Full PDB file with SEQRES, HELIX, SHEET, SSBOND, CRYST1, ORIGX, SCALE, CONECT and MASTER records, all heavy atoms in Angstrom:
SEQRES   1 A   44  MET ASN TYR LYS GLN ARG LEU PRO LEU VAL CYS THR ALA          
SEQRES   2 A   44  LEU GLY ALA ASN LYS PHE GLU GLU MET ALA GLY VAL LYS          
SEQRES   3 A   44  ARG VAL ASN VAL THR GLY PRO THR ASN GLY ALA ASN ALA          
SEQRES   4 A   44  ILE PHE THR PHE ARG                                          
HELIX    1 AA1 LEU A    7  GLY A   15  1                                   9    
HELIX    2 AA2 ASN A   17  ALA A   23  1                                   7    
SHEET    1 AA1 2 ARG A  27  THR A  31  0                                        
SHEET    2 AA1 2 ILE A  40  PHE A  43 -1                                        
CRYST1    1.000    1.000    1.000  90.00  90.00  90.00 P 1           1          
ORIGX1      1.000000  0.000000  0.000000        0.00000                         
ORIGX2      0.000000  1.000000  0.000000        0.00000                         
ORIGX3      0.000000  0.000000  1.000000        0.00000                         
SCALE1      1.000000  0.000000  0.000000        0.00000                         
SCALE2      0.000000  1.000000  0.000000        0.00000                         
SCALE3      0.000000  0.000000  1.000000        0.00000                         
ATOM      1  N   MET A   1      21.773  64.094 137.823  1.00  0.00           N  
ATOM      2  CA  MET A   1      20.519  63.498 137.369  1.00  0.00           C  
ATOM      3  C   MET A   1      20.574  61.967 137.349  1.00  0.00           C  
ATOM      4  O   MET A   1      19.628  61.320 136.906  1.00  0.00           O  
ATOM      5  CB  MET A   1      20.150  64.055 135.993  1.00  0.00           C  
ATOM      6  CG  MET A   1      19.873  65.554 136.047  1.00  0.00           C  
ATOM      7  SD  MET A   1      19.261  66.231 134.504  1.00  0.00           S  
ATOM      8  CE  MET A   1      17.584  65.574 134.506  1.00  0.00           C  
ATOM      9  N   ASN A   2      21.688  61.405 137.819  1.00  0.00           N  
ATOM     10  CA  ASN A   2      21.871  59.954 137.890  1.00  0.00           C  
ATOM     11  C   ASN A   2      21.744  59.267 136.530  1.00  0.00           C  
ATOM     12  O   ASN A   2      21.228  58.154 136.428  1.00  0.00           O  
ATOM     13  CB  ASN A   2      20.899  59.313 138.886  1.00  0.00           C  
ATOM     14  CG  ASN A   2      21.183  59.742 140.290  1.00  0.00           C  
ATOM     15  OD1 ASN A   2      22.325  59.741 140.729  1.00  0.00           O  
ATOM     16  ND2 ASN A   2      20.145  60.149 141.010  1.00  0.00           N  
ATOM     17  N   TYR A   3      22.220  59.940 135.503  1.00  0.00           N  
ATOM     18  CA  TYR A   3      22.204  59.355 134.167  1.00  0.00           C  
ATOM     19  C   TYR A   3      23.397  58.427 133.985  1.00  0.00           C  
ATOM     20  O   TYR A   3      24.434  58.591 134.622  1.00  0.00           O  
ATOM     21  CB  TYR A   3      22.259  60.433 133.091  1.00  0.00           C  
ATOM     22  CG  TYR A   3      20.951  61.155 132.852  1.00  0.00           C  
ATOM     23  CD1 TYR A   3      20.947  62.387 132.222  1.00  0.00           C  
ATOM     24  CD2 TYR A   3      19.733  60.623 133.227  1.00  0.00           C  
ATOM     25  CE1 TYR A   3      19.758  63.064 131.977  1.00  0.00           C  
ATOM     26  CE2 TYR A   3      18.547  61.280 132.989  1.00  0.00           C  
ATOM     27  CZ  TYR A   3      18.570  62.498 132.365  1.00  0.00           C  
ATOM     28  OH  TYR A   3      17.401  63.158 132.117  1.00  0.00           O  
ATOM     29  N   LYS A   4      23.243  57.489 133.092  1.00  0.00           N  
ATOM     30  CA  LYS A   4      24.307  56.574 132.692  1.00  0.00           C  
ATOM     31  C   LYS A   4      24.440  56.652 131.174  1.00  0.00           C  
ATOM     32  O   LYS A   4      23.466  56.449 130.453  1.00  0.00           O  
ATOM     33  CB  LYS A   4      23.984  55.129 133.099  1.00  0.00           C  
ATOM     34  CG  LYS A   4      23.736  54.949 134.587  1.00  0.00           C  
ATOM     35  CD  LYS A   4      25.010  55.071 135.381  1.00  0.00           C  
ATOM     36  CE  LYS A   4      24.749  54.746 136.834  1.00  0.00           C  
ATOM     37  NZ  LYS A   4      25.060  55.806 137.741  1.00  0.00           N  
ATOM     38  N   GLN A   5      25.610  56.975 130.705  1.00  0.00           N  
ATOM     39  CA  GLN A   5      25.929  57.032 129.277  1.00  0.00           C  
ATOM     40  C   GLN A   5      24.985  57.946 128.488  1.00  0.00           C  
ATOM     41  O   GLN A   5      24.533  57.615 127.393  1.00  0.00           O  
ATOM     42  CB  GLN A   5      25.924  55.624 128.686  1.00  0.00           C  
ATOM     43  CG  GLN A   5      26.959  54.733 129.337  1.00  0.00           C  
ATOM     44  CD  GLN A   5      26.981  53.337 128.759  1.00  0.00           C  
ATOM     45  OE1 GLN A   5      26.183  52.974 127.915  1.00  0.00           O  
ATOM     46  NE2 GLN A   5      27.922  52.540 129.240  1.00  0.00           N  
ATOM     47  N   ARG A   6      24.700  59.109 129.057  1.00  0.00           N  
ATOM     48  CA  ARG A   6      23.817  60.060 128.381  1.00  0.00           C  
ATOM     49  C   ARG A   6      24.454  61.441 128.235  1.00  0.00           C  
ATOM     50  O   ARG A   6      23.762  62.444 128.120  1.00  0.00           O  
ATOM     51  CB  ARG A   6      22.487  60.173 129.116  1.00  0.00           C  
ATOM     52  CG  ARG A   6      21.701  58.889 129.106  1.00  0.00           C  
ATOM     53  CD  ARG A   6      20.239  59.135 129.340  1.00  0.00           C  
ATOM     54  NE  ARG A   6      19.517  57.889 129.429  1.00  0.00           N  
ATOM     55  CZ  ARG A   6      18.782  57.404 128.449  1.00  0.00           C  
ATOM     56  NH1 ARG A   6      18.695  58.032 127.310  1.00  0.00           N  
ATOM     57  NH2 ARG A   6      18.138  56.279 128.602  1.00  0.00           N  
ATOM     58  N   LEU A   7      25.789  61.483 128.233  1.00  0.00           N  
ATOM     59  CA  LEU A   7      26.458  62.770 128.084  1.00  0.00           C  
ATOM     60  C   LEU A   7      26.097  63.482 126.780  1.00  0.00           C  
ATOM     61  O   LEU A   7      25.874  64.699 126.799  1.00  0.00           O  
ATOM     62  CB  LEU A   7      27.970  62.620 128.223  1.00  0.00           C  
ATOM     63  CG  LEU A   7      28.426  62.539 129.684  1.00  0.00           C  
ATOM     64  CD1 LEU A   7      29.853  62.017 129.765  1.00  0.00           C  
ATOM     65  CD2 LEU A   7      28.303  63.884 130.351  1.00  0.00           C  
ATOM     66  N   PRO A   8      25.996  62.786 125.644  1.00  0.00           N  
ATOM     67  CA  PRO A   8      25.579  63.493 124.427  1.00  0.00           C  
ATOM     68  C   PRO A   8      24.203  64.156 124.578  1.00  0.00           C  
ATOM     69  O   PRO A   8      23.981  65.261 124.092  1.00  0.00           O  
ATOM     70  CB  PRO A   8      25.565  62.407 123.355  1.00  0.00           C  
ATOM     71  CG  PRO A   8      26.584  61.417 123.840  1.00  0.00           C  
ATOM     72  CD  PRO A   8      26.408  61.405 125.344  1.00  0.00           C  
ATOM     73  N   LEU A   9      23.302  63.492 125.273  1.00  0.00           N  
ATOM     74  CA  LEU A   9      21.973  64.054 125.510  1.00  0.00           C  
ATOM     75  C   LEU A   9      22.069  65.345 126.317  1.00  0.00           C  
ATOM     76  O   LEU A   9      21.442  66.354 125.977  1.00  0.00           O  
ATOM     77  CB  LEU A   9      21.092  63.049 126.251  1.00  0.00           C  
ATOM     78  CG  LEU A   9      19.778  63.610 126.767  1.00  0.00           C  
ATOM     79  CD1 LEU A   9      18.688  63.396 125.742  1.00  0.00           C  
ATOM     80  CD2 LEU A   9      19.406  62.986 128.086  1.00  0.00           C  
ATOM     81  N   VAL A  10      22.856  65.324 127.387  1.00  0.00           N  
ATOM     82  CA  VAL A  10      23.021  66.504 128.238  1.00  0.00           C  
ATOM     83  C   VAL A  10      23.628  67.644 127.428  1.00  0.00           C  
ATOM     84  O   VAL A  10      23.136  68.785 127.475  1.00  0.00           O  
ATOM     85  CB  VAL A  10      23.882  66.177 129.478  1.00  0.00           C  
ATOM     86  CG1 VAL A  10      24.206  67.444 130.261  1.00  0.00           C  
ATOM     87  CG2 VAL A  10      23.181  65.164 130.374  1.00  0.00           C  
ATOM     88  N   CYS A  11      24.654  67.358 126.662  1.00  0.00           N  
ATOM     89  CA  CYS A  11      25.316  68.397 125.862  1.00  0.00           C  
ATOM     90  C   CYS A  11      24.381  68.965 124.800  1.00  0.00           C  
ATOM     91  O   CYS A  11      24.350  70.182 124.583  1.00  0.00           O  
ATOM     92  CB  CYS A  11      26.584  67.844 125.216  1.00  0.00           C  
ATOM     93  SG  CYS A  11      27.880  67.457 126.417  1.00  0.00           S  
ATOM     94  N   THR A  12      23.619  68.107 124.174  1.00  0.00           N  
ATOM     95  CA  THR A  12      22.676  68.569 123.164  1.00  0.00           C  
ATOM     96  C   THR A  12      21.592  69.448 123.784  1.00  0.00           C  
ATOM     97  O   THR A  12      21.227  70.485 123.227  1.00  0.00           O  
ATOM     98  CB  THR A  12      22.040  67.375 122.429  1.00  0.00           C  
ATOM     99  OG1 THR A  12      23.084  66.626 121.791  1.00  0.00           O  
ATOM    100  CG2 THR A  12      21.028  67.823 121.395  1.00  0.00           C  
ATOM    101  N   ALA A  13      21.097  69.046 124.946  1.00  0.00           N  
ATOM    102  CA  ALA A  13      20.058  69.828 125.617  1.00  0.00           C  
ATOM    103  C   ALA A  13      20.576  71.214 126.011  1.00  0.00           C  
ATOM    104  O   ALA A  13      19.880  72.219 125.831  1.00  0.00           O  
ATOM    105  CB  ALA A  13      19.550  69.084 126.855  1.00  0.00           C  
ATOM    106  N   LEU A  14      21.798  71.267 126.530  1.00  0.00           N  
ATOM    107  CA  LEU A  14      22.365  72.551 126.947  1.00  0.00           C  
ATOM    108  C   LEU A  14      22.762  73.425 125.759  1.00  0.00           C  
ATOM    109  O   LEU A  14      22.744  74.650 125.852  1.00  0.00           O  
ATOM    110  CB  LEU A  14      23.575  72.334 127.847  1.00  0.00           C  
ATOM    111  CG  LEU A  14      23.283  71.766 129.223  1.00  0.00           C  
ATOM    112  CD1 LEU A  14      24.578  71.452 129.962  1.00  0.00           C  
ATOM    113  CD2 LEU A  14      22.431  72.728 130.029  1.00  0.00           C  
ATOM    114  N   GLY A  15      23.092  72.800 124.654  1.00  0.00           N  
ATOM    115  CA  GLY A  15      23.529  73.547 123.481  1.00  0.00           C  
ATOM    116  C   GLY A  15      22.398  74.009 122.584  1.00  0.00           C  
ATOM    117  O   GLY A  15      22.632  74.731 121.616  1.00  0.00           O  
ATOM    118  N   ALA A  16      21.184  73.645 122.918  1.00  0.00           N  
ATOM    119  CA  ALA A  16      20.045  73.966 122.065  1.00  0.00           C  
ATOM    120  C   ALA A  16      19.540  75.393 122.291  1.00  0.00           C  
ATOM    121  O   ALA A  16      19.530  75.891 123.425  1.00  0.00           O  
ATOM    122  CB  ALA A  16      18.910  72.976 122.321  1.00  0.00           C  
ATOM    123  N   ASN A  17      19.101  76.009 121.207  1.00  0.00           N  
ATOM    124  CA  ASN A  17      18.475  77.330 121.324  1.00  0.00           C  
ATOM    125  C   ASN A  17      17.246  77.272 122.226  1.00  0.00           C  
ATOM    126  O   ASN A  17      16.917  78.248 122.888  1.00  0.00           O  
ATOM    127  CB  ASN A  17      18.083  77.862 119.944  1.00  0.00           C  
ATOM    128  CG  ASN A  17      19.291  78.228 119.120  1.00  0.00           C  
ATOM    129  OD1 ASN A  17      20.372  78.499 119.637  1.00  0.00           O  
ATOM    130  ND2 ASN A  17      19.112  78.227 117.805  1.00  0.00           N  
ATOM    131  N   LYS A  18      16.598  76.139 122.262  1.00  0.00           N  
ATOM    132  CA  LYS A  18      15.416  75.952 123.098  1.00  0.00           C  
ATOM    133  C   LYS A  18      15.751  76.214 124.574  1.00  0.00           C  
ATOM    134  O   LYS A  18      14.957  76.806 125.304  1.00  0.00           O  
ATOM    135  CB  LYS A  18      14.864  74.534 122.916  1.00  0.00           C  
ATOM    136  CG  LYS A  18      13.577  74.264 123.631  1.00  0.00           C  
ATOM    137  CD  LYS A  18      13.054  72.871 123.272  1.00  0.00           C  
ATOM    138  CE  LYS A  18      11.731  72.579 123.950  1.00  0.00           C  
ATOM    139  NZ  LYS A  18      11.194  71.277 123.559  1.00  0.00           N  
ATOM    140  N   PHE A  19      16.926  75.784 125.020  1.00  0.00           N  
ATOM    141  CA  PHE A  19      17.328  76.034 126.402  1.00  0.00           C  
ATOM    142  C   PHE A  19      17.515  77.520 126.646  1.00  0.00           C  
ATOM    143  O   PHE A  19      17.064  78.056 127.663  1.00  0.00           O  
ATOM    144  CB  PHE A  19      18.611  75.268 126.754  1.00  0.00           C  
ATOM    145  CG  PHE A  19      19.100  75.550 128.148  1.00  0.00           C  
ATOM    146  CD1 PHE A  19      18.350  75.165 129.243  1.00  0.00           C  
ATOM    147  CD2 PHE A  19      20.289  76.209 128.366  1.00  0.00           C  
ATOM    148  CE1 PHE A  19      18.778  75.433 130.541  1.00  0.00           C  
ATOM    149  CE2 PHE A  19      20.735  76.473 129.653  1.00  0.00           C  
ATOM    150  CZ  PHE A  19      19.969  76.080 130.741  1.00  0.00           C  
ATOM    151  N   GLU A  20      18.172  78.202 125.716  1.00  0.00           N  
ATOM    152  CA  GLU A  20      18.384  79.638 125.863  1.00  0.00           C  
ATOM    153  C   GLU A  20      17.053  80.375 126.001  1.00  0.00           C  
ATOM    154  O   GLU A  20      16.908  81.245 126.866  1.00  0.00           O  
ATOM    155  CB  GLU A  20      19.154  80.195 124.665  1.00  0.00           C  
ATOM    156  CG  GLU A  20      20.584  79.700 124.588  1.00  0.00           C  
ATOM    157  CD  GLU A  20      21.330  80.302 123.422  1.00  0.00           C  
ATOM    158  OE1 GLU A  20      21.327  81.543 123.292  1.00  0.00           O  
ATOM    159  OE2 GLU A  20      21.912  79.530 122.642  1.00  0.00           O  
ATOM    160  N   GLU A  21      16.094  80.023 125.170  1.00  0.00           N  
ATOM    161  CA  GLU A  21      14.788  80.677 125.196  1.00  0.00           C  
ATOM    162  C   GLU A  21      14.035  80.410 126.487  1.00  0.00           C  
ATOM    163  O   GLU A  21      13.506  81.328 127.104  1.00  0.00           O  
ATOM    164  CB  GLU A  21      13.962  80.224 123.993  1.00  0.00           C  
ATOM    165  CG  GLU A  21      14.521  80.682 122.664  1.00  0.00           C  
ATOM    166  CD  GLU A  21      13.855  80.011 121.476  1.00  0.00           C  
ATOM    167  OE1 GLU A  21      12.832  79.313 121.653  1.00  0.00           O  
ATOM    168  OE2 GLU A  21      14.376  80.172 120.354  1.00  0.00           O  
ATOM    169  N   MET A  22      13.984  79.145 126.895  1.00  0.00           N  
ATOM    170  CA  MET A  22      13.177  78.819 128.079  1.00  0.00           C  
ATOM    171  C   MET A  22      13.818  79.261 129.382  1.00  0.00           C  
ATOM    172  O   MET A  22      13.126  79.542 130.347  1.00  0.00           O  
ATOM    173  CB  MET A  22      12.817  77.335 128.121  1.00  0.00           C  
ATOM    174  CG  MET A  22      13.969  76.362 128.255  1.00  0.00           C  
ATOM    175  SD  MET A  22      14.481  75.917 129.917  1.00  0.00           S  
ATOM    176  CE  MET A  22      13.034  75.173 130.560  1.00  0.00           C  
ATOM    177  N   ALA A  23      15.155  79.370 129.405  1.00  0.00           N  
ATOM    178  CA  ALA A  23      15.848  79.745 130.637  1.00  0.00           C  
ATOM    179  C   ALA A  23      16.174  81.237 130.700  1.00  0.00           C  
ATOM    180  O   ALA A  23      16.598  81.728 131.739  1.00  0.00           O  
ATOM    181  CB  ALA A  23      17.129  78.930 130.785  1.00  0.00           C  
ATOM    182  N   GLY A  24      15.994  81.936 129.600  1.00  0.00           N  
ATOM    183  CA  GLY A  24      16.308  83.361 129.579  1.00  0.00           C  
ATOM    184  C   GLY A  24      17.801  83.623 129.675  1.00  0.00           C  
ATOM    185  O   GLY A  24      18.245  84.470 130.445  1.00  0.00           O  
ATOM    186  N   VAL A  25      18.563  82.868 128.889  1.00  0.00           N  
ATOM    187  CA  VAL A  25      20.021  83.011 128.873  1.00  0.00           C  
ATOM    188  C   VAL A  25      20.502  83.109 127.429  1.00  0.00           C  
ATOM    189  O   VAL A  25      19.770  82.779 126.494  1.00  0.00           O  
ATOM    190  CB  VAL A  25      20.729  81.831 129.585  1.00  0.00           C  
ATOM    191  CG1 VAL A  25      20.357  81.780 131.056  1.00  0.00           C  
ATOM    192  CG2 VAL A  25      20.416  80.499 128.908  1.00  0.00           C  
ATOM    193  N   LYS A  26      21.744  83.542 127.271  1.00  0.00           N  
ATOM    194  CA  LYS A  26      22.390  83.586 125.959  1.00  0.00           C  
ATOM    195  C   LYS A  26      23.720  82.877 126.075  1.00  0.00           C  
ATOM    196  O   LYS A  26      24.554  83.232 126.916  1.00  0.00           O  
ATOM    197  CB  LYS A  26      22.602  85.046 125.535  1.00  0.00           C  
ATOM    198  CG  LYS A  26      23.298  85.203 124.217  1.00  0.00           C  
ATOM    199  CD  LYS A  26      22.436  84.732 123.085  1.00  0.00           C  
ATOM    200  CE  LYS A  26      23.152  84.969 121.746  1.00  0.00           C  
ATOM    201  NZ  LYS A  26      22.552  84.221 120.685  1.00  0.00           N  
ATOM    202  N   ARG A  27      23.927  81.849 125.260  1.00  0.00           N  
ATOM    203  CA  ARG A  27      25.182  81.097 125.282  1.00  0.00           C  
ATOM    204  C   ARG A  27      26.293  81.999 124.755  1.00  0.00           C  
ATOM    205  O   ARG A  27      26.185  82.583 123.692  1.00  0.00           O  
ATOM    206  CB  ARG A  27      25.052  79.833 124.436  1.00  0.00           C  
ATOM    207  CG  ARG A  27      26.248  78.909 124.505  1.00  0.00           C  
ATOM    208  CD  ARG A  27      26.042  77.615 123.730  1.00  0.00           C  
ATOM    209  NE  ARG A  27      25.597  77.823 122.362  1.00  0.00           N  
ATOM    210  CZ  ARG A  27      24.362  77.554 121.917  1.00  0.00           C  
ATOM    211  NH1 ARG A  27      23.454  77.066 122.735  1.00  0.00           N  
ATOM    212  NH2 ARG A  27      24.035  77.778 120.666  1.00  0.00           N  
ATOM    213  N   VAL A  28      27.379  82.105 125.542  1.00  0.00           N  
ATOM    214  CA  VAL A  28      28.506  82.942 125.125  1.00  0.00           C  
ATOM    215  C   VAL A  28      29.751  82.125 124.799  1.00  0.00           C  
ATOM    216  O   VAL A  28      30.643  82.620 124.111  1.00  0.00           O  
ATOM    217  CB  VAL A  28      28.843  84.031 126.166  1.00  0.00           C  
ATOM    218  CG1 VAL A  28      27.697  85.018 126.278  1.00  0.00           C  
ATOM    219  CG2 VAL A  28      29.175  83.443 127.516  1.00  0.00           C  
ATOM    220  N   ASN A  29      29.810  80.873 125.270  1.00  0.00           N  
ATOM    221  CA  ASN A  29      30.989  80.058 125.015  1.00  0.00           C  
ATOM    222  C   ASN A  29      30.706  78.592 125.335  1.00  0.00           C  
ATOM    223  O   ASN A  29      29.889  78.288 126.201  1.00  0.00           O  
ATOM    224  CB  ASN A  29      32.162  80.544 125.869  1.00  0.00           C  
ATOM    225  CG  ASN A  29      33.492  80.026 125.378  1.00  0.00           C  
ATOM    226  OD1 ASN A  29      33.645  79.605 124.247  1.00  0.00           O  
ATOM    227  ND2 ASN A  29      34.481  80.064 126.261  1.00  0.00           N  
ATOM    228  N   VAL A  30      31.396  77.722 124.613  1.00  0.00           N  
ATOM    229  CA  VAL A  30      31.389  76.290 124.912  1.00  0.00           C  
ATOM    230  C   VAL A  30      32.834  75.827 124.782  1.00  0.00           C  
ATOM    231  O   VAL A  30      33.478  76.075 123.770  1.00  0.00           O  
ATOM    232  CB  VAL A  30      30.501  75.488 123.936  1.00  0.00           C  
ATOM    233  CG1 VAL A  30      30.534  74.007 124.281  1.00  0.00           C  
ATOM    234  CG2 VAL A  30      29.080  76.008 123.934  1.00  0.00           C  
ATOM    235  N   THR A  31      33.339  75.190 125.834  1.00  0.00           N  
ATOM    236  CA  THR A  31      34.700  74.666 125.799  1.00  0.00           C  
ATOM    237  C   THR A  31      34.681  73.187 126.148  1.00  0.00           C  
ATOM    238  O   THR A  31      33.731  72.688 126.734  1.00  0.00           O  
ATOM    239  CB  THR A  31      35.626  75.412 126.791  1.00  0.00           C  
ATOM    240  OG1 THR A  31      35.103  75.267 128.120  1.00  0.00           O  
ATOM    241  CG2 THR A  31      35.720  76.888 126.445  1.00  0.00           C  
ATOM    242  N   GLY A  32      35.760  72.518 125.795  1.00  0.00           N  
ATOM    243  CA  GLY A  32      35.883  71.097 126.109  1.00  0.00           C  
ATOM    244  C   GLY A  32      35.365  70.225 124.985  1.00  0.00           C  
ATOM    245  O   GLY A  32      34.984  70.713 123.919  1.00  0.00           O  
ATOM    246  N   PRO A  33      35.330  68.926 125.239  1.00  0.00           N  
ATOM    247  CA  PRO A  33      34.893  67.979 124.219  1.00  0.00           C  
ATOM    248  C   PRO A  33      33.414  68.177 123.881  1.00  0.00           C  
ATOM    249  O   PRO A  33      32.610  68.497 124.753  1.00  0.00           O  
ATOM    250  CB  PRO A  33      35.138  66.613 124.853  1.00  0.00           C  
ATOM    251  CG  PRO A  33      35.187  66.870 126.312  1.00  0.00           C  
ATOM    252  CD  PRO A  33      35.687  68.267 126.490  1.00  0.00           C  
ATOM    253  N   THR A  34      33.083  67.976 122.637  1.00  0.00           N  
ATOM    254  CA  THR A  34      31.735  68.235 122.147  1.00  0.00           C  
ATOM    255  C   THR A  34      30.656  67.526 122.961  1.00  0.00           C  
ATOM    256  O   THR A  34      29.652  68.130 123.309  1.00  0.00           O  
ATOM    257  CB  THR A  34      31.614  67.813 120.667  1.00  0.00           C  
ATOM    258  OG1 THR A  34      32.630  68.484 119.923  1.00  0.00           O  
ATOM    259  CG2 THR A  34      30.264  68.162 120.113  1.00  0.00           C  
ATOM    260  N   ASN A  35      30.839  66.270 123.246  1.00  0.00           N  
ATOM    261  CA  ASN A  35      29.821  65.505 123.976  1.00  0.00           C  
ATOM    262  C   ASN A  35      30.399  64.823 125.208  1.00  0.00           C  
ATOM    263  O   ASN A  35      29.976  63.739 125.575  1.00  0.00           O  
ATOM    264  CB  ASN A  35      29.185  64.466 123.057  1.00  0.00           C  
ATOM    265  CG  ASN A  35      28.273  65.083 122.036  1.00  0.00           C  
ATOM    266  OD1 ASN A  35      27.482  65.960 122.355  1.00  0.00           O  
ATOM    267  ND2 ASN A  35      28.384  64.647 120.806  1.00  0.00           N  
ATOM    268  N   GLY A  36      31.348  65.474 125.860  1.00  0.00           N  
ATOM    269  CA  GLY A  36      32.005  64.853 127.000  1.00  0.00           C  
ATOM    270  C   GLY A  36      31.651  65.487 128.331  1.00  0.00           C  
ATOM    271  O   GLY A  36      31.026  66.544 128.399  1.00  0.00           O  
ATOM    272  N   ALA A  37      32.089  64.837 129.378  1.00  0.00           N  
ATOM    273  CA  ALA A  37      31.813  65.306 130.737  1.00  0.00           C  
ATOM    274  C   ALA A  37      32.386  66.689 131.001  1.00  0.00           C  
ATOM    275  O   ALA A  37      31.827  67.465 131.767  1.00  0.00           O  
ATOM    276  CB  ALA A  37      32.359  64.311 131.757  1.00  0.00           C  
ATOM    277  N   ASN A  38      33.508  67.002 130.358  1.00  0.00           N  
ATOM    278  CA  ASN A  38      34.162  68.288 130.607  1.00  0.00           C  
ATOM    279  C   ASN A  38      33.745  69.378 129.628  1.00  0.00           C  
ATOM    280  O   ASN A  38      34.413  70.412 129.545  1.00  0.00           O  
ATOM    281  CB  ASN A  38      35.677  68.115 130.611  1.00  0.00           C  
ATOM    282  CG  ASN A  38      36.129  67.367 131.851  1.00  0.00           C  
ATOM    283  OD1 ASN A  38      35.614  67.586 132.939  1.00  0.00           O  
ATOM    284  ND2 ASN A  38      37.065  66.461 131.688  1.00  0.00           N  
ATOM    285  N   ALA A  39      32.658  69.171 128.933  1.00  0.00           N  
ATOM    286  CA  ALA A  39      32.095  70.241 128.108  1.00  0.00           C  
ATOM    287  C   ALA A  39      31.500  71.274 129.067  1.00  0.00           C  
ATOM    288  O   ALA A  39      30.706  70.939 129.945  1.00  0.00           O  
ATOM    289  CB  ALA A  39      31.010  69.702 127.175  1.00  0.00           C  
ATOM    290  N   ILE A  40      31.934  72.507 128.918  1.00  0.00           N  
ATOM    291  CA  ILE A  40      31.466  73.578 129.790  1.00  0.00           C  
ATOM    292  C   ILE A  40      30.725  74.610 128.951  1.00  0.00           C  
ATOM    293  O   ILE A  40      31.298  75.195 128.020  1.00  0.00           O  
ATOM    294  CB  ILE A  40      32.628  74.222 130.564  1.00  0.00           C  
ATOM    295  CG1 ILE A  40      33.288  73.150 131.440  1.00  0.00           C  
ATOM    296  CG2 ILE A  40      32.137  75.409 131.399  1.00  0.00           C  
ATOM    297  CD1 ILE A  40      34.538  73.596 132.148  1.00  0.00           C  
ATOM    298  N   PHE A  41      29.479  74.829 129.293  1.00  0.00           N  
ATOM    299  CA  PHE A  41      28.621  75.785 128.611  1.00  0.00           C  
ATOM    300  C   PHE A  41      28.532  77.041 129.470  1.00  0.00           C  
ATOM    301  O   PHE A  41      28.138  76.975 130.641  1.00  0.00           O  
ATOM    302  CB  PHE A  41      27.222  75.188 128.414  1.00  0.00           C  
ATOM    303  CG  PHE A  41      27.208  73.995 127.506  1.00  0.00           C  
ATOM    304  CD1 PHE A  41      27.575  72.737 127.985  1.00  0.00           C  
ATOM    305  CD2 PHE A  41      26.871  74.116 126.180  1.00  0.00           C  
ATOM    306  CE1 PHE A  41      27.562  71.630 127.161  1.00  0.00           C  
ATOM    307  CE2 PHE A  41      26.856  73.011 125.335  1.00  0.00           C  
ATOM    308  CZ  PHE A  41      27.206  71.767 125.822  1.00  0.00           C  
ATOM    309  N   THR A  42      28.894  78.175 128.888  1.00  0.00           N  
ATOM    310  CA  THR A  42      28.864  79.438 129.616  1.00  0.00           C  
ATOM    311  C   THR A  42      27.738  80.280 129.029  1.00  0.00           C  
ATOM    312  O   THR A  42      27.636  80.437 127.807  1.00  0.00           O  
ATOM    313  CB  THR A  42      30.209  80.172 129.519  1.00  0.00           C  
ATOM    314  OG1 THR A  42      31.230  79.295 130.035  1.00  0.00           O  
ATOM    315  CG2 THR A  42      30.195  81.456 130.322  1.00  0.00           C  
ATOM    316  N   PHE A  43      26.920  80.818 129.916  1.00  0.00           N  
ATOM    317  CA  PHE A  43      25.758  81.602 129.520  1.00  0.00           C  
ATOM    318  C   PHE A  43      25.742  82.950 130.209  1.00  0.00           C  
ATOM    319  O   PHE A  43      26.181  83.084 131.346  1.00  0.00           O  
ATOM    320  CB  PHE A  43      24.450  80.874 129.916  1.00  0.00           C  
ATOM    321  CG  PHE A  43      24.281  79.526 129.293  1.00  0.00           C  
ATOM    322  CD1 PHE A  43      24.675  78.387 129.965  1.00  0.00           C  
ATOM    323  CD2 PHE A  43      23.721  79.400 128.026  1.00  0.00           C  
ATOM    324  CE1 PHE A  43      24.513  77.136 129.392  1.00  0.00           C  
ATOM    325  CE2 PHE A  43      23.566  78.143 127.453  1.00  0.00           C  
ATOM    326  CZ  PHE A  43      23.963  77.016 128.138  1.00  0.00           C  
ATOM    327  N   ARG A  44      25.201  83.935 129.505  1.00  0.00           N  
ATOM    328  CA  ARG A  44      24.913  85.234 130.105  1.00  0.00           C  
ATOM    329  C   ARG A  44      23.436  85.222 130.473  1.00  0.00           C  
ATOM    330  O   ARG A  44      22.576  84.867 129.669  1.00  0.00           O  
ATOM    331  CB  ARG A  44      25.192  86.367 129.112  1.00  0.00           C  
ATOM    332  CG  ARG A  44      25.012  87.757 129.733  1.00  0.00           C  
ATOM    333  CD  ARG A  44      25.328  88.883 128.765  1.00  0.00           C  
ATOM    334  NE  ARG A  44      24.218  89.005 127.812  1.00  0.00           N  
ATOM    335  CZ  ARG A  44      24.300  88.831 126.508  1.00  0.00           C  
ATOM    336  NH1 ARG A  44      25.437  88.527 125.940  1.00  0.00           N  
ATOM    337  NH2 ARG A  44      23.245  88.965 125.743  1.00  0.00           N  
TER     338      ARG A  44                                                      
MASTER        0    0    0    2    2    0    0    6  337    1    0    4          
END                                                                             
């Protein structure tokens, strides 16, 4: 998305229940640093 210094924003957006609802997914795991580039969100 060509963002600069917005990793916390990306992590917050992916970690929100709002994303699960609108995308039709269920978060099953989050690994890595809380607001870092290597935060990996796994969804069913």
